[in-house]
Amino acid sequence: MATITAELQATIKEIVCDILELEEDEVTDSSLFIEDHGADSLRAIEILASLEKEFKITIEQSELSEMVNLEKVYQVVAEAPSR
């Protein structure tokens, strides 16, 4: 899924904000989920699972530590192999 379109970014942001129970204008591409938004590891796993389901991709558990903000999530989704 090499490229991340604006539409795809919007969908990813929507999923992340939904799980973190935040308004979309509260989250920037570089704001940190844990430090800035109080997310915990359970929410990170929820985000990962939702992204896998939504885009029919496989994201390794080891990628969780990389997924600290939207920029990194876009990158992980872009590099994830399709199922």
C-alpha atoms as a PDB file:
ATOM      1  CA  MET A   1       0.000   0.000   0.000  1.00  0.00           C
ATOM      2  CA  ALA A   2       2.986   2.276  -0.676  1.00  0.00           C
ATOM      3  CA  THR A   3       1.273   5.672  -0.960  1.00  0.00           C
ATOM      4  CA  ILE A   4      -0.850   7.402   1.616  1.00  0.00           C
ATOM      5  CA  THR A   5      -3.413   9.682  -0.001  1.00  0.00           C
ATOM      6  CA  ALA A   6      -5.097  12.573   1.790  1.00  0.00           C
ATOM      7  CA  GLU A   7      -8.273  10.472   1.832  1.00  0.00           C
ATOM      8  CA  LEU A   8      -6.414   7.585   3.443  1.00  0.00           C
ATOM      9  CA  GLN A   9      -4.841   9.925   6.000  1.00  0.00           C
ATOM     10  CA  ALA A  10      -8.295  11.253   6.869  1.00  0.00           C
ATOM     11  CA  THR A  11      -9.613   7.711   7.411  1.00  0.00           C
ATOM     12  CA  ILE A  12      -6.623   6.789   9.589  1.00  0.00           C
ATOM     13  CA  LYS A  13      -7.029   9.983  11.632  1.00  0.00           C
ATOM     14  CA  GLU A  14     -10.736   9.269  12.070  1.00  0.00           C
ATOM     15  CA  ILE A  15      -9.990   5.750  13.373  1.00  0.00           C
ATOM     16  CA  VAL A  16      -7.286   7.002  15.750  1.00  0.00           C
ATOM     17  CA  CYS A  17      -9.411   9.867  17.099  1.00  0.00           C
ATOM     18  CA  ASP A  18     -12.380   7.548  17.553  1.00  0.00           C
ATOM     19  CA  ILE A  19     -10.341   5.083  19.610  1.00  0.00           C
ATOM     20  CA  LEU A  20      -8.579   7.796  21.621  1.00  0.00           C
ATOM     21  CA  GLU A  21     -11.934   9.559  22.131  1.00  0.00           C
ATOM     22  CA  LEU A  22     -10.552  12.847  20.848  1.00  0.00           C
ATOM     23  CA  GLU A  23     -11.839  15.492  18.468  1.00  0.00           C
ATOM     24  CA  GLU A  24      -9.974  15.508  15.157  1.00  0.00           C
ATOM     25  CA  ASP A  25      -8.792  19.085  15.705  1.00  0.00           C
ATOM     26  CA  GLU A  26      -7.091  18.003  18.949  1.00  0.00           C
ATOM     27  CA  VAL A  27      -4.724  15.637  17.132  1.00  0.00           C
ATOM     28  CA  THR A  28      -1.969  16.820  14.802  1.00  0.00           C
ATOM     29  CA  ASP A  29       0.219  14.617  12.622  1.00  0.00           C
ATOM     30  CA  SER A  30       3.076  15.013  15.092  1.00  0.00           C
ATOM     31  CA  SER A  31       1.277  15.088  18.462  1.00  0.00           C
ATOM     32  CA  LEU A  32       2.208  12.054  20.545  1.00  0.00           C
ATOM     33  CA  PHE A  33      -0.581   9.641  21.472  1.00  0.00           C
ATOM     34  CA  ILE A  34       0.780   8.734  24.904  1.00  0.00           C
ATOM     35  CA  GLU A  35       2.517  11.943  26.007  1.00  0.00           C
ATOM     36  CA  ASP A  36       0.077  14.471  24.533  1.00  0.00           C
ATOM     37  CA  HIS A  37      -3.185  12.528  24.575  1.00  0.00           C
ATOM     38  CA  GLY A  38      -2.862  10.078  27.474  1.00  0.00           C
ATOM     39  CA  ALA A  39      -3.289   6.952  25.355  1.00  0.00           C
ATOM     40  CA  ASP A  40      -2.319   3.597  26.842  1.00  0.00           C
ATOM     41  CA  SER A  41      -0.986   0.405  25.269  1.00  0.00           C
ATOM     42  CA  LEU A  42      -4.451  -1.117  25.083  1.00  0.00           C
ATOM     43  CA  ARG A  43      -5.603   1.767  22.879  1.00  0.00           C
ATOM     44  CA  ALA A  44      -2.519   1.307  20.707  1.00  0.00           C
ATOM     45  CA  ILE A  45      -3.476  -2.327  20.157  1.00  0.00           C
ATOM     46  CA  GLU A  46      -7.044  -1.250  19.335  1.00  0.00           C
ATOM     47  CA  ILE A  47      -5.701   1.216  16.760  1.00  0.00           C
ATOM     48  CA  LEU A  48      -3.515  -1.469  15.208  1.00  0.00           C
ATOM     49  CA  ALA A  49      -6.395  -3.970  15.018  1.00  0.00           C
ATOM     50  CA  SER A  50      -8.769  -1.381  13.539  1.00  0.00           C
ATOM     51  CA  LEU A  51      -6.252  -0.366  10.870  1.00  0.00           C
ATOM     52  CA  GLU A  52      -5.660  -4.010   9.939  1.00  0.00           C
ATOM     53  CA  LYS A  53      -9.392  -4.614   9.613  1.00  0.00           C
ATOM     54  CA  GLU A  54     -10.142  -1.375   7.741  1.00  0.00           C
ATOM     55  CA  PHE A  55      -7.347  -1.700   5.170  1.00  0.00           C
ATOM     56  CA  LYS A  56      -6.967  -5.507   5.073  1.00  0.00           C
ATOM     57  CA  ILE A  57      -3.290  -5.286   5.951  1.00  0.00           C
ATOM     58  CA  THR A  58      -1.029  -7.023   8.451  1.00  0.00           C
ATOM     59  CA  ILE A  59       0.841  -4.916  10.993  1.00  0.00           C
ATOM     60  CA  GLU A  60       3.443  -6.662  13.129  1.00  0.00           C
ATOM     61  CA  GLN A  61       3.115  -6.248  16.912  1.00  0.00           C
ATOM     62  CA  SER A  62       6.692  -4.929  16.886  1.00  0.00           C
ATOM     63  CA  GLU A  63       5.444  -1.907  14.915  1.00  0.00           C
ATOM     64  CA  LEU A  64       3.355  -0.799  17.917  1.00  0.00           C
ATOM     65  CA  SER A  65       6.312   0.971  19.514  1.00  0.00           C
ATOM     66  CA  GLU A  66       6.782   2.927  16.265  1.00  0.00           C
ATOM     67  CA  MET A  67       3.170   4.108  16.135  1.00  0.00           C
ATOM     68  CA  VAL A  68       3.608   7.108  18.448  1.00  0.00           C
ATOM     69  CA  ASN A  69       1.801   9.707  16.306  1.00  0.00           C
ATOM     70  CA  LEU A  70      -0.178  10.009  13.076  1.00  0.00           C
ATOM     71  CA  GLU A  71       2.933  10.534  10.921  1.00  0.00           C
ATOM     72  CA  LYS A  72       4.334   7.202  12.105  1.00  0.00           C
ATOM     73  CA  VAL A  73       0.971   5.461  11.732  1.00  0.00           C
ATOM     74  CA  TYR A  74       0.759   6.659   8.107  1.00  0.00           C
ATOM     75  CA  GLN A  75       4.247   5.256   7.532  1.00  0.00           C
ATOM     76  CA  VAL A  76       3.449   1.891   9.142  1.00  0.00           C
ATOM     77  CA  VAL A  77       0.213   1.566   7.137  1.00  0.00           C
ATOM     78  CA  ALA A  78       2.031   2.506   3.913  1.00  0.00           C
ATOM     79  CA  GLU A  79       4.657  -0.190   4.494  1.00  0.00           C
ATOM     80  CA  ALA A  80       2.280  -2.894   5.729  1.00  0.00           C
ATOM     81  CA  PRO A  81       1.759  -5.884   3.430  1.00  0.00           C
ATOM     82  CA  SER A  82      -1.757  -6.527   2.176  1.00  0.00           C
ATOM     83  CA  ARG A  83      -3.421  -9.743   3.264  1.00  0.00           C
END
